[in-house]
């Protein structure tokens, strides 16, 4: 699944990223789309290049379905609520 990541208010497109389904033995996280820690660090470094932030609330848009939602991105990886 491809997602567009925007700043709040969709003022600036940060980038388009591939989200992959998480493999987790627990039922809750099975087959949920995730962004890896590497991609999340890249997103957060783009948002705030002069300061190393641990998390930020951003807008995610699923390109396939057109669904848009607001979610917090964490430096260690993020599970998307799609």
PDB file of N, CA and C in Angstrom:
ATOM      1  N   UNK A   1       0.849  -1.165   0.000  1.00  0.00           N
ATOM      2  CA  UNK A   1       0.000   0.000   0.000  1.00  0.00           C
ATOM      3  C   UNK A   1       0.899   1.233   0.000  1.00  0.00           C
ATOM      4  N   UNK A   2       0.530   2.213  -0.783  1.00  0.00           N
ATOM      5  CA  UNK A   2       1.271   3.475  -0.827  1.00  0.00           C
ATOM      6  C   UNK A   2       0.498   4.533  -0.051  1.00  0.00           C
ATOM      7  N   UNK A   3       1.243   5.332   0.707  1.00  0.00           N
ATOM      8  CA  UNK A   3       0.637   6.419   1.478  1.00  0.00           C
ATOM      9  C   UNK A   3       1.391   7.716   1.213  1.00  0.00           C
ATOM     10  N   UNK A   4       0.634   8.804   1.137  1.00  0.00           N
ATOM     11  CA  UNK A   4       1.218  10.143   1.097  1.00  0.00           C
ATOM     12  C   UNK A   4       1.237  10.674   2.517  1.00  0.00           C
ATOM     13  N   UNK A   5       2.318  11.329   2.894  1.00  0.00           N
ATOM     14  CA  UNK A   5       2.447  11.903   4.230  1.00  0.00           C
ATOM     15  C   UNK A   5       2.538  13.415   4.082  1.00  0.00           C
ATOM     16  N   UNK A   6       1.656  14.113   4.809  1.00  0.00           N
ATOM     17  CA  UNK A   6       1.584  15.572   4.752  1.00  0.00           C
ATOM     18  C   UNK A   6       1.773  16.155   6.155  1.00  0.00           C
ATOM     19  N   UNK A   7       2.141  17.429   6.196  1.00  0.00           N
ATOM     20  CA  UNK A   7       2.099  18.154   7.461  1.00  0.00           C
ATOM     21  C   UNK A   7       0.638  18.433   7.800  1.00  0.00           C
ATOM     22  N   UNK A   8       0.362  18.841   9.020  1.00  0.00           N
ATOM     23  CA  UNK A   8      -1.003  19.118   9.450  1.00  0.00           C
ATOM     24  C   UNK A   8      -1.625  20.175   8.533  1.00  0.00           C
ATOM     25  N   UNK A   9      -2.863  19.934   8.125  1.00  0.00           N
ATOM     26  CA  UNK A   9      -3.556  20.843   7.218  1.00  0.00           C
ATOM     27  C   UNK A   9      -3.229  20.569   5.758  1.00  0.00           C
ATOM     28  N   UNK A  10      -2.468  19.502   5.495  1.00  0.00           N
ATOM     29  CA  UNK A  10      -2.031  19.145   4.141  1.00  0.00           C
ATOM     30  C   UNK A  10      -1.347  20.318   3.446  1.00  0.00           C
ATOM     31  N   UNK A  11      -0.569  21.079   4.219  1.00  0.00           N
ATOM     32  CA  UNK A  11       0.116  22.245   3.666  1.00  0.00           C
ATOM     33  C   UNK A  11       1.330  21.864   2.833  1.00  0.00           C
ATOM     34  N   UNK A  12       1.995  20.751   3.213  1.00  0.00           N
ATOM     35  CA  UNK A  12       3.211  20.360   2.500  1.00  0.00           C
ATOM     36  C   UNK A  12       3.290  18.845   2.414  1.00  0.00           C
ATOM     37  N   UNK A  13       3.522  18.332   1.207  1.00  0.00           N
ATOM     38  CA  UNK A  13       3.716  16.901   1.017  1.00  0.00           C
ATOM     39  C   UNK A  13       5.133  16.544   1.440  1.00  0.00           C
ATOM     40  N   UNK A  14       5.242  15.646   2.396  1.00  0.00           N
ATOM     41  CA  UNK A  14       6.558  15.214   2.872  1.00  0.00           C
ATOM     42  C   UNK A  14       7.112  14.130   1.952  1.00  0.00           C
ATOM     43  N   UNK A  15       6.230  13.212   1.520  1.00  0.00           N
ATOM     44  CA  UNK A  15       6.679  12.162   0.613  1.00  0.00           C
ATOM     45  C   UNK A  15       5.646  11.077   0.444  1.00  0.00           C
ATOM     46  N   UNK A  16       5.920  10.168  -0.473  1.00  0.00           N
ATOM     47  CA  UNK A  16       5.092   8.994  -0.710  1.00  0.00           C
ATOM     48  C   UNK A  16       5.891   7.774  -0.282  1.00  0.00           C
ATOM     49  N   UNK A  17       5.278   6.927   0.532  1.00  0.00           N
ATOM     50  CA  UNK A  17       5.983   5.785   1.102  1.00  0.00           C
ATOM     51  C   UNK A  17       5.181   4.506   0.929  1.00  0.00           C
ATOM     52  N   UNK A  18       5.888   3.379   0.859  1.00  0.00           N
ATOM     53  CA  UNK A  18       5.246   2.069   0.828  1.00  0.00           C
ATOM     54  C   UNK A  18       5.073   1.588   2.254  1.00  0.00           C
ATOM     55  N   UNK A  19       3.843   1.197   2.592  1.00  0.00           N
ATOM     56  CA  UNK A  19       3.574   0.612   3.909  1.00  0.00           C
ATOM     57  C   UNK A  19       3.418  -0.891   3.711  1.00  0.00           C
ATOM     58  N   UNK A  20       4.075  -1.660   4.553  1.00  0.00           N
ATOM     59  CA  UNK A  20       3.982  -3.118   4.451  1.00  0.00           C
ATOM     60  C   UNK A  20       3.199  -3.657   5.631  1.00  0.00           C
ATOM     61  N   UNK A  21       2.585  -4.812   5.438  1.00  0.00           N
ATOM     62  CA  UNK A  21       1.833  -5.429   6.517  1.00  0.00           C
ATOM     63  C   UNK A  21       2.776  -5.983   7.570  1.00  0.00           C
ATOM     64  N   UNK A  22       2.406  -5.752   8.819  1.00  0.00           N
ATOM     65  CA  UNK A  22       3.226  -6.224   9.935  1.00  0.00           C
ATOM     66  C   UNK A  22       3.001  -7.710  10.131  1.00  0.00           C
ATOM     67  N   UNK A  23       4.073  -8.415  10.432  1.00  0.00           N
ATOM     68  CA  UNK A  23       3.913  -9.805  10.845  1.00  0.00           C
ATOM     69  C   UNK A  23       4.129  -9.843  12.347  1.00  0.00           C
ATOM     70  N   UNK A  24       3.093 -10.190  13.045  1.00  0.00           N
ATOM     71  CA  UNK A  24       3.176 -10.306  14.498  1.00  0.00           C
ATOM     72  C   UNK A  24       2.312 -11.489  14.892  1.00  0.00           C
ATOM     73  N   UNK A  25       2.778 -12.264  15.827  1.00  0.00           N
ATOM     74  CA  UNK A  25       2.027 -13.451  16.233  1.00  0.00           C
ATOM     75  C   UNK A  25       0.750 -13.100  16.987  1.00  0.00           C
ATOM     76  N   UNK A  26       0.689 -11.882  17.541  1.00  0.00           N
ATOM     77  CA  UNK A  26      -0.522 -11.500  18.257  1.00  0.00           C
ATOM     78  C   UNK A  26      -1.626 -11.164  17.261  1.00  0.00           C
ATOM     79  N   UNK A  27      -2.843 -11.358  17.648  1.00  0.00           N
ATOM     80  CA  UNK A  27      -3.988 -11.122  16.759  1.00  0.00           C
ATOM     81  C   UNK A  27      -4.136  -9.647  16.432  1.00  0.00           C
ATOM     82  N   UNK A  28      -3.864  -8.776  17.379  1.00  0.00           N
ATOM     83  CA  UNK A  28      -4.145  -7.356  17.202  1.00  0.00           C
ATOM     84  C   UNK A  28      -3.346  -6.724  16.063  1.00  0.00           C
ATOM     85  N   UNK A  29      -2.075  -7.059  15.931  1.00  0.00           N
ATOM     86  CA  UNK A  29      -1.222  -6.417  14.943  1.00  0.00           C
ATOM     87  C   UNK A  29      -1.100  -7.185  13.631  1.00  0.00           C
ATOM     88  N   UNK A  30      -1.769  -8.316  13.505  1.00  0.00           N
ATOM     89  CA  UNK A  30      -1.626  -9.129  12.308  1.00  0.00           C
ATOM     90  C   UNK A  30      -2.201  -8.405  11.087  1.00  0.00           C
ATOM     91  N   UNK A  31      -1.427  -8.357  10.025  1.00  0.00           N
ATOM     92  CA  UNK A  31      -1.814  -7.773   8.736  1.00  0.00           C
ATOM     93  C   UNK A  31      -2.193  -6.297   8.807  1.00  0.00           C
ATOM     94  N   UNK A  32      -1.603  -5.554   9.709  1.00  0.00           N
ATOM     95  CA  UNK A  32      -1.832  -4.114   9.770  1.00  0.00           C
ATOM     96  C   UNK A  32      -0.673  -3.418   9.054  1.00  0.00           C
ATOM     97  N   UNK A  33      -0.958  -2.381   8.276  1.00  0.00           N
ATOM     98  CA  UNK A  33       0.124  -1.694   7.568  1.00  0.00           C
ATOM     99  C   UNK A  33       1.035  -0.929   8.525  1.00  0.00           C
ATOM    100  N   UNK A  34       2.314  -0.995   8.259  1.00  0.00           N
ATOM    101  CA  UNK A  34       3.292  -0.327   9.118  1.00  0.00           C
ATOM    102  C   UNK A  34       4.304   0.442   8.280  1.00  0.00           C
ATOM    103  N   UNK A  35       4.917   1.425   8.899  1.00  0.00           N
ATOM    104  CA  UNK A  35       6.084   2.098   8.342  1.00  0.00           C
ATOM    105  C   UNK A  35       7.277   1.710   9.197  1.00  0.00           C
ATOM    106  N   UNK A  36       8.357   1.338   8.569  1.00  0.00           N
ATOM    107  CA  UNK A  36       9.547   0.894   9.300  1.00  0.00           C
ATOM    108  C   UNK A  36      10.187   2.052  10.056  1.00  0.00           C
ATOM    109  N   UNK A  37      11.053   1.710  10.988  1.00  0.00           N
ATOM    110  CA  UNK A  37      11.767   2.725  11.767  1.00  0.00           C
ATOM    111  C   UNK A  37      12.617   3.604  10.860  1.00  0.00           C
ATOM    112  N   UNK A  38      13.214   3.018   9.830  1.00  0.00           N
ATOM    113  CA  UNK A  38      14.049   3.790   8.903  1.00  0.00           C
ATOM    114  C   UNK A  38      13.216   4.846   8.171  1.00  0.00           C
ATOM    115  N   UNK A  39      12.031   4.451   7.698  1.00  0.00           N
ATOM    116  CA  UNK A  39      11.163   5.400   6.997  1.00  0.00           C
ATOM    117  C   UNK A  39      10.648   6.471   7.952  1.00  0.00           C
ATOM    118  N   UNK A  40      10.318   6.083   9.171  1.00  0.00           N
ATOM    119  CA  UNK A  40       9.822   7.053  10.154  1.00  0.00           C
ATOM    120  C   UNK A  40      10.902   8.060  10.524  1.00  0.00           C
ATOM    121  N   UNK A  41      12.132   7.599  10.676  1.00  0.00           N
ATOM    122  CA  UNK A  41      13.242   8.525  10.956  1.00  0.00           C
ATOM    123  C   UNK A  41      13.427   9.498   9.800  1.00  0.00           C
ATOM    124  N   UNK A  42      13.315   8.997   8.567  1.00  0.00           N
ATOM    125  CA  UNK A  42      13.440   9.852   7.384  1.00  0.00           C
ATOM    126  C   UNK A  42      12.337  10.919   7.358  1.00  0.00           C
ATOM    127  N   UNK A  43      11.112  10.515   7.686  1.00  0.00           N
ATOM    128  CA  UNK A  43       9.981  11.452   7.715  1.00  0.00           C
ATOM    129  C   UNK A  43      10.205  12.519   8.783  1.00  0.00           C
ATOM    130  N   UNK A  44      10.576  12.096   9.992  1.00  0.00           N
ATOM    131  CA  UNK A  44      10.766  13.044  11.087  1.00  0.00           C
ATOM    132  C   UNK A  44      11.950  13.979  10.836  1.00  0.00           C
ATOM    133  N   UNK A  45      13.006  13.472  10.200  1.00  0.00           N
ATOM    134  CA  UNK A  45      14.151  14.334   9.872  1.00  0.00           C
ATOM    135  C   UNK A  45      13.788  15.349   8.791  1.00  0.00           C
ATOM    136  N   UNK A  46      12.857  14.996   7.911  1.00  0.00           N
ATOM    137  CA  UNK A  46      12.385  15.935   6.889  1.00  0.00           C
ATOM    138  C   UNK A  46      11.527  17.021   7.512  1.00  0.00           C
ATOM    139  N   UNK A  47      10.678  16.635   8.457  1.00  0.00           N
ATOM    140  CA  UNK A  47       9.793  17.597   9.121  1.00  0.00           C
ATOM    141  C   UNK A  47      10.593  18.588   9.949  1.00  0.00           C
ATOM    142  N   UNK A  48      11.578  18.079  10.675  1.00  0.00           N
ATOM    143  CA  UNK A  48      12.365  18.932  11.565  1.00  0.00           C
ATOM    144  C   UNK A  48      13.856  18.651  11.357  1.00  0.00           C
ATOM    145  N   UNK A  49      14.460  19.262  10.326  1.00  0.00           N
ATOM    146  CA  UNK A  49      15.859  18.949  10.015  1.00  0.00           C
ATOM    147  C   UNK A  49      16.870  19.448  11.050  1.00  0.00           C
ATOM    148  N   UNK A  50      16.530  20.449  11.822  1.00  0.00           N
ATOM    149  CA  UNK A  50      17.490  21.027  12.766  1.00  0.00           C
ATOM    150  C   UNK A  50      17.358  20.488  14.187  1.00  0.00           C
ATOM    151  N   UNK A  51      16.328  19.683  14.429  1.00  0.00           N
ATOM    152  CA  UNK A  51      16.086  19.181  15.779  1.00  0.00           C
ATOM    153  C   UNK A  51      15.611  17.742  15.694  1.00  0.00           C
ATOM    154  N   UNK A  52      16.206  16.853  16.469  1.00  0.00           N
ATOM    155  CA  UNK A  52      15.874  15.430  16.423  1.00  0.00           C
ATOM    156  C   UNK A  52      14.631  15.170  17.285  1.00  0.00           C
ATOM    157  N   UNK A  53      13.459  15.120  16.651  1.00  0.00           N
ATOM    158  CA  UNK A  53      12.211  14.886  17.382  1.00  0.00           C
ATOM    159  C   UNK A  53      11.913  13.392  17.422  1.00  0.00           C
ATOM    160  N   UNK A  54      11.235  12.939  18.486  1.00  0.00           N
ATOM    161  CA  UNK A  54      10.899  11.527  18.640  1.00  0.00           C
ATOM    162  C   UNK A  54       9.562  11.168  18.029  1.00  0.00           C
ATOM    163  N   UNK A  55       8.642  12.130  17.950  1.00  0.00           N
ATOM    164  CA  UNK A  55       7.339  11.857  17.350  1.00  0.00           C
ATOM    165  C   UNK A  55       6.718  13.161  16.854  1.00  0.00           C
ATOM    166  N   UNK A  56       5.784  13.013  15.930  1.00  0.00           N
ATOM    167  CA  UNK A  56       5.106  14.171  15.355  1.00  0.00           C
ATOM    168  C   UNK A  56       3.759  13.709  14.805  1.00  0.00           C
ATOM    169  N   UNK A  57       2.736  14.532  14.961  1.00  0.00           N
ATOM    170  CA  UNK A  57       1.426  14.233  14.404  1.00  0.00           C
ATOM    171  C   UNK A  57       1.381  14.734  12.967  1.00  0.00           C
ATOM    172  N   UNK A  58       1.046  13.815  12.036  1.00  0.00           N
ATOM    173  CA  UNK A  58       1.026  14.132  10.614  1.00  0.00           C
ATOM    174  C   UNK A  58      -0.247  13.584   9.969  1.00  0.00           C
ATOM    175  N   UNK A  59      -0.489  13.990   8.736  1.00  0.00           N
ATOM    176  CA  UNK A  59      -1.652  13.537   7.975  1.00  0.00           C
ATOM    177  C   UNK A  59      -1.201  12.442   7.010  1.00  0.00           C
ATOM    178  N   UNK A  60      -1.917  11.307   7.020  1.00  0.00           N
ATOM    179  CA  UNK A  60      -1.638  10.190   6.127  1.00  0.00           C
ATOM    180  C   UNK A  60      -2.796  10.025   5.160  1.00  0.00           C
ATOM    181  N   UNK A  61      -2.469   9.814   3.885  1.00  0.00           N
ATOM    182  CA  UNK A  61      -3.491   9.581   2.876  1.00  0.00           C
ATOM    183  C   UNK A  61      -3.182   8.265   2.176  1.00  0.00           C
ATOM    184  N   UNK A  62      -4.138   7.332   2.224  1.00  0.00           N
ATOM    185  CA  UNK A  62      -4.005   6.074   1.508  1.00  0.00           C
ATOM    186  C   UNK A  62      -4.299   6.360   0.046  1.00  0.00           C
ATOM    187  N   UNK A  63      -3.326   6.161  -0.825  1.00  0.00           N
ATOM    188  CA  UNK A  63      -3.482   6.491  -2.239  1.00  0.00           C
ATOM    189  C   UNK A  63      -4.519   5.586  -2.901  1.00  0.00           C
ATOM    190  N   UNK A  64      -4.575   4.316  -2.504  1.00  0.00           N
ATOM    191  CA  UNK A  64      -5.479   3.356  -3.138  1.00  0.00           C
ATOM    192  C   UNK A  64      -6.943   3.655  -2.840  1.00  0.00           C
ATOM    193  N   UNK A  65      -7.243   4.007  -1.595  1.00  0.00           N
ATOM    194  CA  UNK A  65      -8.646   4.215  -1.202  1.00  0.00           C
ATOM    195  C   UNK A  65      -9.030   5.678  -1.076  1.00  0.00           C
ATOM    196  N   UNK A  66      -8.041   6.573  -0.987  1.00  0.00           N
ATOM    197  CA  UNK A  66      -8.322   7.987  -0.814  1.00  0.00           C
ATOM    198  C   UNK A  66      -8.616   8.375   0.624  1.00  0.00           C
ATOM    199  N   UNK A  67      -8.552   7.403   1.564  1.00  0.00           N
ATOM    200  CA  UNK A  67      -8.806   7.694   2.976  1.00  0.00           C
ATOM    201  C   UNK A  67      -7.693   8.574   3.539  1.00  0.00           C
ATOM    202  N   UNK A  68      -8.076   9.592   4.285  1.00  0.00           N
ATOM    203  CA  UNK A  68      -7.121  10.489   4.923  1.00  0.00           C
ATOM    204  C   UNK A  68      -7.350  10.486   6.421  1.00  0.00           C
ATOM    205  N   UNK A  69      -6.268  10.373   7.187  1.00  0.00           N
ATOM    206  CA  UNK A  69      -6.371  10.381   8.636  1.00  0.00           C
ATOM    207  C   UNK A  69      -5.168  11.034   9.273  1.00  0.00           C
ATOM    208  N   UNK A  70      -5.349  11.459  10.511  1.00  0.00           N
ATOM    209  CA  UNK A  70      -4.277  12.097  11.272  1.00  0.00           C
ATOM    210  C   UNK A  70      -3.726  11.069  12.253  1.00  0.00           C
ATOM    211  N   UNK A  71      -2.413  10.990  12.324  1.00  0.00           N
ATOM    212  CA  UNK A  71      -1.786  10.000  13.188  1.00  0.00           C
ATOM    213  C   UNK A  71      -0.410  10.462  13.616  1.00  0.00           C
ATOM    214  N   UNK A  72       0.045   9.950  14.739  1.00  0.00           N
ATOM    215  CA  UNK A  72       1.371  10.288  15.253  1.00  0.00           C
ATOM    216  C   UNK A  72       2.406   9.314  14.695  1.00  0.00           C
ATOM    217  N   UNK A  73       3.523   9.861  14.239  1.00  0.00           N
ATOM    218  CA  UNK A  73       4.637   9.063  13.730  1.00  0.00           C
ATOM    219  C   UNK A  73       5.688   8.995  14.822  1.00  0.00           C
ATOM    220  N   UNK A  74       6.177   7.780  15.103  1.00  0.00           N
ATOM    221  CA  UNK A  74       7.208   7.575  16.123  1.00  0.00           C
ATOM    222  C   UNK A  74       8.503   7.165  15.443  1.00  0.00           C
ATOM    223  N   UNK A  75       9.612   7.592  15.989  1.00  0.00           N
ATOM    224  CA  UNK A  75      10.925   7.324  15.405  1.00  0.00           C
ATOM    225  C   UNK A  75      11.219   5.827  15.297  1.00  0.00           C
ATOM    226  N   UNK A  76      10.662   5.020  16.163  1.00  0.00           N
ATOM    227  CA  UNK A  76      10.937   3.592  16.164  1.00  0.00           C
ATOM    228  C   UNK A  76      10.045   2.780  15.248  1.00  0.00           C
ATOM    229  N   UNK A  77       9.164   3.421  14.481  1.00  0.00           N
ATOM    230  CA  UNK A  77       8.230   2.718  13.600  1.00  0.00           C
ATOM    231  C   UNK A  77       6.806   3.024  13.986  1.00  0.00           C
ATOM    232  N   UNK A  78       5.888   2.885  13.036  1.00  0.00           N
ATOM    233  CA  UNK A  78       4.500   3.278  13.266  1.00  0.00           C
ATOM    234  C   UNK A  78       3.552   2.290  12.608  1.00  0.00           C
ATOM    235  N   UNK A  79       2.524   1.902  13.329  1.00  0.00           N
ATOM    236  CA  UNK A  79       1.440   1.089  12.775  1.00  0.00           C
ATOM    237  C   UNK A  79       0.352   2.049  12.322  1.00  0.00           C
ATOM    238  N   UNK A  80      -0.071   1.925  11.068  1.00  0.00           N
ATOM    239  CA  UNK A  80      -1.062   2.826  10.497  1.00  0.00           C
ATOM    240  C   UNK A  80      -2.468   2.315  10.765  1.00  0.00           C
ATOM    241  N   UNK A  81      -3.381   3.217  11.036  1.00  0.00           N
ATOM    242  CA  UNK A  81      -4.772   2.860  11.338  1.00  0.00           C
ATOM    243  C   UNK A  81      -5.632   2.936  10.082  1.00  0.00           C
ATOM    244  N   UNK A  82      -5.336   2.094   9.106  1.00  0.00           N
ATOM    245  CA  UNK A  82      -6.144   2.041   7.883  1.00  0.00           C
ATOM    246  C   UNK A  82      -6.919   0.746   7.872  1.00  0.00           C
TER     247      UNK A  82
END
